[in-house]
Amino acid sequence: MALSLVAGLSLAPATARAQAPLTEVTFGTNWLAQAEHGGYYQALADGTYEKYGLKVTIVPGGPRANNRMLMTVGKLDFYMGGSLIQAFSAVEKDIPTLVVAAHFQKEPQVLLSHPGQGLDTFESLKSSNDILLSKDGFATFFQWMKAEYGFRDEQVKPFGFTPAPFIANPRAVQQGYATAEPLVIEKAAGFKPNVFLLADYGFSTYSTTVETRRETVEKNPDLVQRFVDASTIGWYNYLYGDNAKANALIKRDNPEMTDELIAYSIAKMKEYGIADSGDTATLGIGAMTDARMKDFFDKMVKAGLFKADLDYRKAYTLHFVNKGVGLDLRK
């Protein structure tokens, strides 16, 4: 849904913009620094943001941070969103924010099970009475699982964000991210869990979105375009180029991060096509389409999360994506 206010925008070349004073930009992530944020750290580390005339400060999220709120009230310029559920909810609550890019085509959300316990297919997970989920997971993707696959509320048990209960119970199923938890469990328990990426079973949300205030899009579309383009190039270089400096910045911001987990996460992002798959083959990383937005919204209506008459199209704009930026950097 391109905004008419920015439809006629003509952007100056990045090289020309770089000669002007850098524009200071703050970007809040939704969790502690990790490889799943790598494209933004790459654009910071290798000077891509500067080439686009930007002086970017990345503000890491975490358990005690609320960067979404800080962006909403103007304390941050951009925010790294999770699934589209948050964006649709913003429309429902009349919060004037917009998704301007989606750097993950697939949300890395997975369910994990023990091999050889009769839980080796997604459908068979319905036979477990110990599905360990967070409150947020229960309120979001599990509602879709109920509507689409027939899972039941009574199967769910609280998830304490530790793999110990899952490891101890061979009939348990646990939520996680494809880019982290399988490795954690393998190192702790000595076995490779079954991994079911929800995106591959129809949970079609975009993820790792770039969000900003509607006011920013209307008053400074050039800034939005520069940040989206530079971040997209950052993702290509992080996935396919030399990412050592970006990883150093990630470990600076999150000292508990390890080289092993970073390498694992990058490998899994590539294996599953988390950032680069589907529409990105022709439209570039960050791509979004109206059809995909409608598909996910319709599924969330069926799952009972939203009313069918919600104008979900107010949640996003396609003006800043689908331009093939960075396609020449894919290797």
Protein backbone atom coordinates (compact mmCIF):
# COMPACT_ATOMS: atom_id res chain seq x y z
CA MET A 1 0.00 0.00 0.00
CA ALA A 2 2.08 2.96 -1.24
CA LEU A 3 1.31 6.25 0.45
CA SER A 4 0.26 9.00 -1.94
CA LEU A 5 2.26 11.46 0.16
CA VAL A 6 5.52 9.83 -0.92
CA ALA A 7 4.54 8.48 -4.32
CA GLY A 8 6.44 11.15 -6.24
CA LEU A 9 9.64 11.07 -4.24
CA SER A 10 12.89 11.25 -6.20
CA LEU A 11 15.95 10.22 -4.21
CA ALA A 12 19.41 11.71 -4.58
CA PRO A 13 22.31 9.30 -5.16
CA ALA A 14 23.86 7.91 -2.02
CA THR A 15 27.27 9.32 -2.95
CA ALA A 16 25.89 12.83 -3.12
CA ARG A 17 24.07 12.46 0.16
CA ALA A 18 27.21 11.21 1.88
CA GLN A 19 28.89 14.60 1.30
CA ALA A 20 26.27 16.34 3.45
CA PRO A 21 26.36 16.23 7.27
CA LEU A 22 25.24 12.85 8.60
CA THR A 23 21.69 12.60 9.88
CA GLU A 24 21.54 11.07 13.33
CA VAL A 25 19.19 8.09 13.53
CA THR A 26 18.27 5.82 16.43
CA PHE A 27 17.15 2.24 15.79
CA GLY A 28 15.78 0.11 18.62
CA THR A 29 15.91 -3.67 18.39
CA ASN A 30 13.51 -5.98 20.19
CA TRP A 31 16.08 -8.10 22.03
CA LEU A 32 19.72 -8.39 23.03
CA ALA A 33 22.27 -8.17 20.21
CA GLN A 34 22.56 -11.38 18.19
CA ALA A 35 23.18 -12.66 14.69
CA GLU A 36 19.46 -12.24 13.93
CA HIS A 37 20.20 -8.48 14.06
CA GLY A 38 23.32 -8.87 11.97
CA GLY A 39 22.33 -6.84 8.91
CA TYR A 40 21.94 -3.67 10.94
CA TYR A 41 25.23 -4.17 12.73
CA GLN A 42 26.86 -4.90 9.38
CA ALA A 43 25.62 -1.63 7.88
CA LEU A 44 27.00 0.14 10.94
CA ALA A 45 30.33 -1.68 10.94
CA ASP A 46 31.19 -1.45 7.25
CA GLY A 47 30.15 2.17 6.74
CA THR A 48 27.02 1.53 4.67
CA TYR A 49 24.89 3.76 6.88
CA GLU A 50 27.45 6.54 6.52
CA LYS A 51 27.44 6.15 2.74
CA TYR A 52 23.70 6.81 2.91
CA GLY A 53 24.23 9.92 5.01
CA LEU A 54 23.25 8.36 8.31
CA LYS A 55 24.85 8.24 11.73
CA VAL A 56 22.97 5.30 13.23
CA THR A 57 22.87 4.36 16.89
CA ILE A 58 21.54 0.86 17.56
CA VAL A 59 19.69 0.64 20.88
CA PRO A 60 19.49 -3.02 21.94
CA GLY A 61 16.30 -4.36 23.44
CA GLY A 62 16.04 -6.87 26.24
CA PRO A 63 13.84 -8.07 29.09
CA ARG A 64 13.66 -4.63 30.72
CA ALA A 65 13.54 -2.51 27.56
CA ASN A 66 10.48 -1.21 25.74
CA ASN A 67 11.91 0.09 22.49
CA ARG A 68 8.57 -0.21 20.69
CA MET A 69 7.05 2.32 23.08
CA LEU A 70 10.11 4.58 22.78
CA MET A 71 9.69 4.60 18.99
CA THR A 72 5.97 5.26 19.27
CA VAL A 73 6.49 8.35 21.45
CA GLY A 74 9.36 9.68 19.33
CA LYS A 75 12.34 8.74 21.49
CA LEU A 76 13.61 6.38 18.77
CA ASP A 77 13.34 6.87 15.01
CA PHE A 78 12.94 3.23 13.95
CA TYR A 79 12.11 -0.05 15.65
CA MET A 80 12.77 -3.68 14.78
CA GLY A 81 9.38 -5.36 15.00
CA GLY A 82 8.56 -9.02 15.47
CA SER A 83 5.57 -10.56 13.75
CA LEU A 84 2.85 -8.62 11.92
CA ILE A 85 0.50 -9.28 14.83
CA GLN A 86 2.03 -6.30 16.61
CA ALA A 87 1.57 -4.11 13.54
CA PHE A 88 -2.07 -5.11 13.09
CA SER A 89 -2.67 -4.53 16.78
CA ALA A 90 -1.28 -1.00 16.42
CA VAL A 91 -3.97 -0.29 13.81
CA GLU A 92 -6.60 -1.74 16.12
CA LYS A 93 -5.44 0.58 18.91
CA ASP A 94 -5.09 3.58 16.58
CA ILE A 95 -1.32 3.83 17.14
CA PRO A 96 0.15 5.74 14.16
CA THR A 97 3.04 3.45 13.21
CA LEU A 98 3.92 1.79 9.91
CA VAL A 99 5.92 -1.23 8.79
CA VAL A 100 8.22 0.03 6.03
CA ALA A 101 10.29 -3.14 5.38
CA ALA A 102 10.46 -6.80 6.42
CA HIS A 103 14.01 -8.12 6.55
CA PHE A 104 12.85 -11.64 7.46
CA GLN A 105 10.56 -13.42 5.05
CA LYS A 106 10.04 -16.13 7.67
CA GLU A 107 9.72 -15.74 11.42
CA PRO A 108 12.32 -18.08 13.01
CA GLN A 109 9.71 -19.40 15.48
CA VAL A 110 9.86 -23.20 15.82
CA LEU A 111 8.48 -26.03 17.88
CA LEU A 112 10.93 -28.68 19.06
CA SER A 113 10.33 -32.32 19.98
CA HIS A 114 12.35 -35.39 20.96
CA PRO A 115 13.16 -37.75 18.07
CA GLY A 116 11.85 -41.30 18.21
CA GLN A 117 8.95 -40.52 20.55
CA GLY A 118 6.14 -40.52 18.01
CA LEU A 119 6.49 -36.74 17.63
CA ASP A 120 8.40 -36.69 14.38
CA THR A 121 5.85 -34.80 12.25
CA PHE A 122 4.07 -31.51 12.83
CA GLU A 123 0.67 -33.21 12.92
CA SER A 124 1.90 -35.71 15.51
CA LEU A 125 2.65 -32.89 17.95
CA LYS A 126 -1.07 -32.87 18.69
CA SER A 127 -0.53 -36.07 20.67
CA SER A 128 1.65 -34.30 23.24
CA ASN A 129 0.03 -33.03 26.42
CA ASP A 130 3.11 -31.03 27.39
CA ILE A 131 3.52 -28.23 24.86
CA LEU A 132 5.69 -25.66 26.62
CA LEU A 133 4.75 -22.13 25.53
CA SER A 134 5.19 -18.59 26.78
CA LYS A 135 2.13 -16.43 27.40
CA ASP A 136 2.88 -14.53 24.22
CA GLY A 137 3.27 -17.74 22.20
CA PHE A 138 -0.04 -19.04 23.53
CA ALA A 139 -1.80 -15.77 22.67
CA THR A 140 -0.41 -15.58 19.14
CA PHE A 141 0.89 -18.49 17.08
CA PHE A 142 -0.83 -21.15 19.18
CA GLN A 143 -4.20 -19.60 18.39
CA TRP A 144 -3.33 -20.09 14.73
CA MET A 145 -2.28 -23.69 15.47
CA LYS A 146 -5.68 -24.31 17.05
CA ALA A 147 -7.61 -22.82 14.14
CA GLU A 148 -5.49 -24.36 11.40
CA TYR A 149 -4.45 -27.73 12.82
CA GLY A 150 -6.76 -28.54 15.73
CA PHE A 151 -4.41 -28.14 18.69
CA ARG A 152 -6.12 -27.73 22.07
CA ASP A 153 -5.66 -25.36 25.01
CA GLU A 154 -5.31 -28.20 27.51
CA GLN A 155 -2.11 -29.34 25.81
CA VAL A 156 -0.23 -26.19 26.83
CA LYS A 157 2.03 -25.91 29.85
CA PRO A 158 3.94 -22.77 30.95
CA PHE A 159 7.37 -22.28 29.41
CA GLY A 160 9.97 -20.94 31.84
CA PHE A 161 12.55 -20.03 29.16
CA THR A 162 14.84 -22.87 30.18
CA PRO A 163 15.25 -26.14 28.22
CA ALA A 164 15.51 -28.29 31.35
CA PRO A 165 11.82 -29.36 31.54
CA PHE A 166 11.83 -30.17 27.82
CA ILE A 167 15.03 -32.20 28.06
CA ALA A 168 13.70 -34.15 31.05
CA ASN A 169 10.37 -35.05 29.43
CA PRO A 170 10.66 -37.05 26.17
CA ARG A 171 7.00 -36.33 25.35
CA ALA A 172 7.38 -32.57 25.72
CA VAL A 173 7.27 -30.02 22.91
CA GLN A 174 8.95 -26.64 23.33
CA GLN A 175 8.88 -23.34 21.51
CA GLY A 176 12.11 -21.74 20.36
CA TYR A 177 13.93 -20.06 17.51
CA ALA A 178 15.45 -22.10 14.68
CA THR A 179 18.58 -20.00 15.01
CA ALA A 180 19.34 -20.75 18.66
CA GLU A 181 17.42 -23.29 20.76
CA PRO A 182 18.24 -26.43 18.74
CA LEU A 183 21.95 -25.81 19.36
CA VAL A 184 21.39 -25.05 23.05
CA ILE A 185 19.48 -28.31 23.51
CA GLU A 186 21.99 -30.36 21.55
CA LYS A 187 24.86 -29.06 23.68
CA ALA A 188 22.96 -29.57 26.96
CA ALA A 189 21.31 -32.92 26.25
CA GLY A 190 23.45 -34.56 23.59
CA PHE A 191 20.71 -35.08 21.00
CA LYS A 192 19.39 -33.12 18.04
CA PRO A 193 15.70 -32.23 18.50
CA ASN A 194 13.16 -32.32 15.73
CA VAL A 195 12.69 -28.78 14.44
CA PHE A 196 9.40 -27.55 12.99
CA LEU A 197 9.59 -24.04 11.53
CA LEU A 198 6.08 -22.62 11.82
CA ALA A 199 6.56 -20.55 8.66
CA ASP A 200 6.91 -23.77 6.66
CA TYR A 201 3.51 -24.92 7.94
CA GLY A 202 1.62 -21.78 7.02
CA PHE A 203 2.40 -19.20 9.71
CA SER A 204 3.05 -16.63 7.01
CA THR A 205 3.98 -13.52 8.96
CA TYR A 206 6.91 -11.37 8.02
CA SER A 207 9.39 -10.77 10.81
CA THR A 208 12.29 -8.51 11.78
CA THR A 209 10.36 -5.63 10.34
CA VAL A 210 11.41 -2.00 10.28
CA GLU A 211 8.74 0.18 11.83
CA THR A 212 8.50 3.92 12.24
CA ARG A 213 5.91 6.56 13.00
CA ARG A 214 3.51 7.59 10.27
CA GLU A 215 4.64 11.17 10.85
CA THR A 216 8.21 10.22 9.90
CA VAL A 217 7.04 8.61 6.66
CA GLU A 218 4.98 11.65 5.73
CA LYS A 219 7.49 14.35 6.68
CA ASN A 220 10.81 12.66 5.91
CA PRO A 221 10.37 9.85 3.38
CA ASP A 222 13.93 10.30 2.10
CA LEU A 223 15.27 9.41 5.56
CA VAL A 224 13.09 6.31 5.67
CA GLN A 225 14.24 5.20 2.22
CA ARG A 226 17.90 5.68 3.08
CA PHE A 227 17.58 3.70 6.29
CA VAL A 228 15.69 0.86 4.60
CA ASP A 229 18.10 0.66 1.66
CA ALA A 230 21.24 0.80 3.80
CA SER A 231 19.86 -1.83 6.18
CA THR A 232 18.96 -4.08 3.27
CA ILE A 233 22.49 -3.82 1.85
CA GLY A 234 23.73 -4.57 5.36
CA TRP A 235 21.77 -7.81 5.36
CA TYR A 236 23.23 -8.94 2.03
CA ASN A 237 26.76 -8.19 3.20
CA TYR A 238 26.18 -9.86 6.55
CA LEU A 239 24.86 -13.06 5.00
CA TYR A 240 27.19 -13.28 2.00
CA GLY A 241 30.21 -11.10 2.78
CA ASP A 242 32.78 -10.51 5.50
CA ASN A 243 30.76 -10.11 8.70
CA ALA A 244 33.61 -10.19 11.24
CA LYS A 245 33.33 -6.52 12.23
CA ALA A 246 29.55 -6.78 12.61
CA ASN A 247 29.93 -9.81 14.85
CA ALA A 248 32.45 -7.92 16.97
CA LEU A 249 29.87 -5.16 17.49
CA ILE A 250 27.23 -7.75 18.39
CA LYS A 251 29.53 -9.23 21.03
CA ARG A 252 30.33 -5.74 22.29
CA ASP A 253 26.65 -5.03 22.87
CA ASN A 254 25.96 -8.55 24.18
CA PRO A 255 29.07 -9.95 25.93
CA GLU A 256 27.35 -13.29 26.54
CA MET A 257 27.09 -13.96 22.81
CA THR A 258 29.49 -16.61 21.50
CA ASP A 259 31.16 -17.13 18.14
CA GLU A 260 29.65 -20.62 18.03
CA LEU A 261 26.08 -19.39 18.38
CA ILE A 262 26.63 -16.58 15.89
CA ALA A 263 27.97 -19.04 13.30
CA TYR A 264 25.09 -21.44 13.97
CA SER A 265 22.49 -18.68 13.65
CA ILE A 266 23.90 -17.44 10.35
CA ALA A 267 23.96 -20.98 8.95
CA LYS A 268 20.35 -21.59 9.95
CA MET A 269 19.17 -18.25 8.55
CA LYS A 270 20.62 -19.36 5.22
CA GLU A 271 19.38 -22.96 5.46
CA TYR A 272 15.77 -21.97 6.19
CA GLY A 273 15.71 -18.89 3.95
CA ILE A 274 14.79 -16.70 6.90
CA ALA A 275 15.92 -13.44 5.29
CA ASP A 276 16.47 -14.39 1.66
CA SER A 277 13.82 -16.58 0.05
CA GLY A 278 10.61 -16.43 -1.94
CA ASP A 279 9.87 -12.91 -3.17
CA THR A 280 13.36 -11.67 -2.33
CA ALA A 281 14.74 -13.54 -5.36
CA THR A 282 13.38 -10.76 -7.58
CA LEU A 283 12.34 -7.97 -5.20
CA GLY A 284 15.30 -8.03 -2.81
CA ILE A 285 15.68 -8.59 0.91
CA GLY A 286 13.08 -6.61 2.84
CA ALA A 287 10.36 -7.43 0.33
CA MET A 288 6.67 -7.28 1.20
CA THR A 289 3.53 -7.83 -0.87
CA ASP A 290 -0.14 -7.02 -0.43
CA ALA A 291 -1.05 -10.66 -1.11
CA ARG A 292 1.18 -11.93 1.68
CA MET A 293 -0.18 -9.33 4.10
CA LYS A 294 -3.76 -10.34 3.29
CA ASP A 295 -2.96 -14.02 3.65
CA PHE A 296 -1.57 -13.60 7.15
CA PHE A 297 -4.29 -11.20 8.24
CA ASP A 298 -7.00 -13.62 7.07
CA LYS A 299 -5.37 -16.39 9.09
CA MET A 300 -5.29 -14.20 12.19
CA VAL A 301 -8.98 -13.38 11.72
CA LYS A 302 -9.72 -17.10 11.51
CA ALA A 303 -7.67 -17.61 14.67
CA GLY A 304 -9.77 -15.00 16.46
CA LEU A 305 -7.03 -12.40 16.98
CA PHE A 306 -8.65 -9.65 14.89
CA LYS A 307 -12.04 -8.68 13.49
CA ALA A 308 -12.43 -9.08 9.76
CA ASP A 309 -13.32 -5.40 9.23
CA LEU A 310 -10.02 -4.10 10.64
CA ASP A 311 -8.25 -2.03 7.98
CA TYR A 312 -4.99 -3.95 8.30
CA ARG A 313 -3.60 -2.15 5.24
CA LYS A 314 -2.97 0.85 7.47
CA ALA A 315 -0.25 -1.19 9.16
CA TYR A 316 2.27 -0.99 6.33
CA THR A 317 3.45 0.66 3.14
CA LEU A 318 5.20 -0.94 0.18
CA HIS A 319 6.71 2.33 -1.02
CA PHE A 320 10.19 1.75 0.39
CA VAL A 321 10.72 -1.90 -0.64
CA ASN A 322 10.57 -4.22 -3.66
CA LYS A 323 13.13 -2.16 -5.61
CA GLY A 324 15.77 -4.90 -5.96
CA VAL A 325 18.24 -3.04 -3.75
CA GLY A 326 21.28 -5.22 -3.05
CA LEU A 327 20.43 -8.05 -5.43
CA ASP A 328 23.87 -7.72 -7.01
CA LEU A 329 25.44 -8.58 -3.64
CA ARG A 330 23.90 -12.05 -3.39
CA LYS A 331 26.48 -14.80 -3.78
